[in-house]
Amino acid sequence: MKITLENRKKVNQFGNILKHLKHFSQDIEIFINEERLYAQGMDASHVALFELILKEEWFTSYEVEKEVVLGINCELIAKVLHCLNNNQTITLEYDDTKDDLTISLIPREGEKCMTKEFKIPLMDLESELMEIPDADFVADLEMDSQEFYQLVDEMSIFGDTLGVNCTEESVKFTGKGNLGEMTAIIKEDDILMYSVEEEADLNVNFRMSYLKTFTCFSRLNNVVKLHMSDKIPMKIQYDLEEVDEEDEDAKAENYLRFFLAPVVEDF
C-alpha cells in the first residue's frame, strides 16, 4: 500500500485531522481498501462519535491492492504531523509483512526542505464499526466555521452546557453556568444557510467540552454544517471538497463528521 498527497490544501486538511484526533480518542483504526480511506471512533464516554471518509480520487496517488487495517496511537501520529511543513507532501506506506507504518514528509518539487521519514508501530485494536443510520433533522444550518469556533469558545466561559433553540424566526445559542449566562441570537441573515421545520420550536442541549473539541477542526473548511433534532445526536460536518452549490442534491463524498448525543437532564 502506498498513498500520496501533494495538493497543498489537502495536505493541510489531512495533517489537521490526524493532529487533532488525539483530543477525541487515544487510539483509532484506519480502514483502507481499493476505494477509500475510512476511520471511525468513539470517545471514552461513548457520548460522541467521529467518522472520516476520503475517497480514492481525493488523493494524488492511491496504490491499494487489498484492504488493510491500521491501528494507530493518536498521540504518536500527532507528533509526526507536528513536523509537517507547508512545503512538504505526505506519503503513507505499509507492507503487511511488517508491523509498522512509514510516513514520509517530502519537499515539493522545486522547494528546499528536508525529507523526514517516520516509522510508527501499529496496534491490533479489533474495534467494531458502528452502523450510522440516516436521519431527518428538524433544523439544518451552515455557519462560518471560525464564527462557530469563537461562539463556542466564548460560551464555554459561562458553563459546560450549550443550549440551542431553533424556530422559524431565529437560532439561539445559550451558555449558562455559575458565572452567569450568555445568549447569542442568530438571525437567518447572519448564517450561510438555515432550514427548519414549519412551526418548529426545538430545544436541545449539548456538552460544551465536546463542542470545543469539534471546533479544533474548524480550519478544514470555512463552513461548518450543523444538523439537530430532539432526542437524537447532533451531526456536525466539515466537507473536505468543494460542492456545487447550485445543485441542491449535490453532497460531499469526502468529509469529517461528528455525532454528539444530547444532554438528557434539564438545562
Protein backbone atom coordinates (compact mmCIF):
# COMPACT_ATOMS: atom_id res chain seq x y z
CA MET A 1 0.00 0.00 0.00
CA LYS A 2 1.24 3.45 -0.91
CA ILE A 3 -0.83 6.64 -0.71
CA THR A 4 0.42 10.13 -1.59
CA LEU A 5 -0.99 13.61 -1.03
CA GLU A 6 0.57 16.58 -2.84
CA ASN A 7 -2.20 19.18 -3.08
CA ARG A 8 -1.28 21.85 -0.54
CA LYS A 9 -4.82 22.36 0.77
CA LYS A 10 -5.46 18.64 1.14
CA VAL A 11 -2.10 18.08 2.84
CA ASN A 12 -3.04 20.72 5.39
CA GLN A 13 -6.50 19.18 5.87
CA PHE A 14 -5.13 15.66 6.32
CA GLY A 15 -2.47 16.89 8.73
CA ASN A 16 -5.03 18.89 10.71
CA ILE A 17 -7.28 15.85 11.10
CA LEU A 18 -4.56 13.49 12.28
CA LYS A 19 -3.04 16.08 14.62
CA HIS A 20 -6.29 16.81 16.43
CA LEU A 21 -7.86 13.36 16.72
CA LYS A 22 -5.80 12.91 19.90
CA HIS A 23 -8.29 15.26 21.59
CA PHE A 24 -11.07 12.83 20.75
CA SER A 25 -9.68 9.32 21.02
CA GLN A 26 -6.50 7.66 22.29
CA ASP A 27 -6.25 5.05 19.52
CA ILE A 28 -8.03 4.64 16.19
CA GLU A 29 -8.25 2.12 13.37
CA ILE A 30 -7.95 3.30 9.77
CA PHE A 31 -9.54 1.03 7.18
CA ILE A 32 -8.08 1.34 3.68
CA ASN A 33 -9.41 -0.56 0.67
CA GLU A 34 -9.30 -0.10 -3.09
CA GLU A 35 -11.97 2.63 -2.99
CA ARG A 36 -11.47 4.72 0.12
CA LEU A 37 -9.78 5.51 3.43
CA TYR A 38 -12.22 5.21 6.33
CA ALA A 39 -11.92 5.83 10.05
CA GLN A 40 -14.46 5.80 12.86
CA GLY A 41 -14.15 6.07 16.61
CA MET A 42 -15.92 6.96 19.85
CA ASP A 43 -14.73 8.92 22.83
CA ALA A 44 -14.07 7.10 26.10
CA SER A 45 -17.53 8.01 27.47
CA HIS A 46 -19.35 6.83 24.31
CA VAL A 47 -21.10 10.19 24.05
CA ALA A 48 -19.59 11.27 20.74
CA LEU A 49 -18.51 9.56 17.52
CA PHE A 50 -16.40 10.70 14.58
CA GLU A 51 -16.38 9.42 11.01
CA LEU A 52 -13.81 10.21 8.30
CA ILE A 53 -14.28 9.28 4.65
CA LEU A 54 -11.68 10.02 1.95
CA LYS A 55 -12.32 8.51 -1.48
CA GLU A 56 -9.55 7.22 -3.74
CA GLU A 57 -9.88 10.25 -6.04
CA TRP A 58 -9.16 12.65 -3.16
CA PHE A 59 -5.50 11.57 -3.08
CA THR A 60 -2.75 12.38 -5.59
CA SER A 61 -1.87 8.70 -5.95
CA TYR A 62 -3.58 5.70 -4.38
CA GLU A 63 -1.99 2.27 -4.68
CA VAL A 64 -4.03 -0.20 -2.66
CA GLU A 65 -4.34 -3.80 -3.80
CA LYS A 66 -6.23 -5.21 -0.81
CA GLU A 67 -7.89 -3.95 2.34
CA VAL A 68 -5.63 -3.13 5.27
CA VAL A 69 -6.46 -2.08 8.81
CA LEU A 70 -4.03 0.24 10.59
CA GLY A 71 -4.26 0.56 14.37
CA ILE A 72 -2.66 3.89 15.29
CA ASN A 73 -1.93 5.75 18.51
CA CYS A 74 -3.35 9.27 18.05
CA GLU A 75 -0.78 10.97 20.28
CA LEU A 76 2.06 9.46 18.26
CA ILE A 77 0.57 10.35 14.87
CA ALA A 78 0.03 13.91 16.14
CA LYS A 79 3.74 14.19 16.98
CA VAL A 80 4.65 13.02 13.49
CA LEU A 81 2.32 15.51 11.79
CA HIS A 82 3.62 18.28 14.06
CA CYS A 83 6.80 18.00 11.97
CA LEU A 84 4.91 18.73 8.72
CA ASN A 85 5.98 21.93 6.95
CA ASN A 86 3.85 23.88 4.49
CA ASN A 87 6.13 22.97 1.57
CA GLN A 88 6.00 19.20 2.12
CA THR A 89 3.87 16.38 0.75
CA ILE A 90 2.69 13.28 2.67
CA THR A 91 3.24 9.65 1.71
CA LEU A 92 1.90 6.67 3.67
CA GLU A 93 3.41 3.23 3.00
CA TYR A 94 2.55 -0.12 4.53
CA ASP A 95 3.82 -3.63 3.89
CA ASP A 96 1.70 -6.34 5.51
CA THR A 97 4.84 -8.35 6.27
CA LYS A 98 5.87 -5.66 8.76
CA ASP A 99 4.33 -4.21 11.93
CA ASP A 100 4.83 -0.52 11.25
CA LEU A 101 3.59 2.29 9.03
CA THR A 102 6.04 4.50 7.17
CA ILE A 103 5.14 8.18 6.90
CA SER A 104 7.31 10.35 4.64
CA LEU A 105 7.18 14.15 4.57
CA ILE A 106 8.82 15.05 1.26
CA PRO A 107 9.57 18.55 -0.10
CA ARG A 108 7.55 19.70 -3.08
CA GLU A 109 9.25 19.80 -6.42
CA GLY A 110 11.43 22.89 -6.70
CA GLU A 111 11.29 23.72 -2.97
CA LYS A 112 14.11 23.29 -0.49
CA CYS A 113 13.31 21.29 2.61
CA MET A 114 14.46 18.17 4.41
CA THR A 115 12.82 14.83 3.73
CA LYS A 116 11.55 13.39 7.02
CA GLU A 117 10.71 9.72 7.37
CA PHE A 118 8.96 8.12 10.32
CA LYS A 119 8.19 4.51 11.19
CA ILE A 120 5.41 4.14 13.74
CA PRO A 121 4.35 0.85 15.34
CA LEU A 122 0.87 -0.44 14.60
CA MET A 123 -1.54 -1.93 17.12
CA ASP A 124 -4.14 -4.69 16.92
CA LEU A 125 -7.25 -2.93 18.23
CA GLU A 126 -10.06 -5.06 16.76
CA SER A 127 -12.71 -2.40 17.29
CA GLU A 128 -16.24 -2.87 15.96
CA LEU A 129 -17.61 -0.40 13.44
CA MET A 130 -20.99 1.15 14.17
CA GLU A 131 -23.67 1.47 11.51
CA ILE A 132 -24.70 5.13 11.29
CA PRO A 133 -28.31 5.39 10.09
CA ASP A 134 -29.57 8.29 8.00
CA ALA A 135 -31.78 10.70 9.91
CA ASP A 136 -34.13 13.55 9.12
CA PHE A 137 -33.31 16.58 11.22
CA VAL A 138 -35.63 19.33 12.43
CA ALA A 139 -33.05 22.05 11.87
CA ASP A 140 -30.12 22.33 9.45
CA LEU A 141 -27.78 25.28 9.38
CA GLU A 142 -24.45 26.28 7.91
CA MET A 143 -22.19 28.79 9.63
CA ASP A 144 -18.78 30.29 9.14
CA SER A 145 -16.60 27.73 10.95
CA GLN A 146 -14.43 30.39 12.61
CA GLU A 147 -17.52 32.19 13.92
CA PHE A 148 -18.81 28.92 15.37
CA TYR A 149 -15.41 28.29 16.94
CA GLN A 150 -15.42 31.75 18.54
CA LEU A 151 -19.01 31.39 19.73
CA VAL A 152 -18.37 28.05 21.46
CA ASP A 153 -15.16 29.40 22.97
CA GLU A 154 -16.92 32.46 24.42
CA MET A 155 -19.89 30.49 25.76
CA SER A 156 -17.68 27.91 27.43
CA ILE A 157 -16.67 30.65 29.89
CA PHE A 158 -20.15 30.59 31.41
CA GLY A 159 -20.94 26.89 31.66
CA ASP A 160 -20.37 23.35 30.49
CA THR A 161 -23.64 23.02 28.54
CA LEU A 162 -24.71 24.69 25.31
CA GLY A 163 -28.44 25.15 24.84
CA VAL A 164 -29.77 25.54 21.29
CA ASN A 165 -33.23 26.85 20.39
CA CYS A 166 -34.35 26.73 16.75
CA THR A 167 -37.54 28.38 15.48
CA GLU A 168 -38.63 29.80 12.13
CA GLU A 169 -37.53 33.27 13.29
CA SER A 170 -34.07 32.62 14.71
CA VAL A 171 -31.47 30.34 16.25
CA LYS A 172 -30.38 30.93 19.84
CA PHE A 173 -27.22 29.56 21.45
CA THR A 174 -27.04 29.84 25.24
CA GLY A 175 -24.19 29.09 27.61
CA LYS A 176 -25.20 29.09 31.26
CA GLY A 177 -23.43 28.26 34.49
CA ASN A 178 -22.23 29.54 37.84
CA LEU A 179 -20.58 32.57 36.23
CA GLY A 180 -23.75 33.78 34.55
CA GLU A 181 -25.37 33.36 31.17
CA MET A 182 -24.61 34.30 27.58
CA THR A 183 -27.11 34.10 24.72
CA ALA A 184 -26.37 34.68 21.05
CA ILE A 185 -29.41 35.34 18.86
CA ILE A 186 -28.60 34.42 15.28
CA LYS A 187 -30.96 35.58 12.57
CA GLU A 188 -31.18 33.91 9.18
CA ASP A 189 -29.24 36.76 7.57
CA ASP A 190 -26.33 36.07 9.95
CA ILE A 191 -25.77 32.49 8.79
CA LEU A 192 -24.99 30.92 5.43
CA MET A 193 -27.96 28.56 5.31
CA TYR A 194 -30.85 27.78 7.63
CA SER A 195 -33.68 25.32 7.19
CA VAL A 196 -36.16 24.39 9.91
CA GLU A 197 -39.45 22.54 10.04
CA GLU A 198 -42.56 24.70 9.94
CA GLU A 199 -43.70 25.88 13.39
CA ALA A 200 -40.70 24.18 15.00
CA ASP A 201 -39.57 25.16 18.49
CA LEU A 202 -36.58 22.89 19.02
CA ASN A 203 -34.70 22.96 22.34
CA VAL A 204 -31.64 20.74 22.73
CA ASN A 205 -28.59 20.81 24.99
CA PHE A 206 -25.05 19.55 24.41
CA ARG A 207 -21.86 19.25 26.43
CA MET A 208 -19.62 22.23 25.72
CA SER A 209 -16.37 20.28 26.16
CA TYR A 210 -17.17 18.08 23.16
CA LEU A 211 -18.12 21.06 21.01
CA LYS A 212 -14.80 22.69 21.86
CA THR A 213 -13.04 19.55 20.64
CA PHE A 214 -15.01 19.56 17.38
CA THR A 215 -14.16 23.20 16.71
CA CYS A 216 -10.45 22.28 16.77
CA PHE A 217 -11.11 21.11 13.21
CA SER A 218 -12.53 24.44 12.02
CA ARG A 219 -9.62 25.02 9.63
CA LEU A 220 -10.74 22.09 7.49
CA ASN A 221 -13.39 24.21 5.81
CA ASN A 222 -14.65 27.78 6.04
CA VAL A 223 -18.14 26.32 6.55
CA VAL A 224 -19.43 24.02 9.29
CA LYS A 225 -22.75 22.19 8.87
CA LEU A 226 -24.95 21.57 11.92
CA HIS A 227 -27.97 19.25 11.95
CA MET A 228 -30.19 18.92 15.03
CA SER A 229 -33.33 17.19 16.27
CA ASP A 230 -34.80 16.32 19.63
CA LYS A 231 -33.52 13.14 21.35
CA ILE A 232 -31.07 12.11 18.62
CA PRO A 233 -27.38 13.01 18.22
CA MET A 234 -26.44 16.28 16.56
CA LYS A 235 -24.37 15.95 13.39
CA ILE A 236 -21.50 18.36 12.77
CA GLN A 237 -19.80 18.07 9.39
CA TYR A 238 -16.76 19.59 7.70
CA ASP A 239 -16.71 18.88 3.96
CA LEU A 240 -13.25 18.16 2.50
CA GLU A 241 -14.12 19.15 -1.06
CA GLU A 242 -15.99 21.82 -2.98
CA VAL A 243 -19.66 21.04 -3.61
CA ASP A 244 -21.73 22.59 -6.41
CA GLU A 245 -23.99 25.00 -4.51
CA GLU A 246 -26.38 25.31 -7.46
CA ASP A 247 -27.12 21.58 -7.34
CA GLU A 248 -29.48 21.03 -4.40
CA ASP A 249 -28.89 17.26 -4.49
CA ALA A 250 -25.09 17.51 -4.52
CA LYS A 251 -23.44 16.07 -1.41
CA ALA A 252 -19.82 15.88 -0.33
CA GLU A 253 -18.26 12.45 -0.68
CA ASN A 254 -15.19 13.34 1.38
CA TYR A 255 -15.77 14.67 4.87
CA LEU A 256 -15.12 14.54 8.59
CA ARG A 257 -18.24 14.48 10.71
CA PHE A 258 -19.12 14.12 14.37
CA PHE A 259 -22.21 12.91 16.19
CA LEU A 260 -22.91 14.16 19.71
CA ALA A 261 -25.63 12.80 21.98
CA PRO A 262 -27.78 15.48 23.63
CA VAL A 263 -27.76 16.12 27.37
CA VAL A 264 -30.78 14.42 28.91
CA GLU A 265 -31.13 16.45 32.10
CA ASP A 266 -32.77 19.86 32.23
CA PHE A 267 -30.59 22.80 31.22
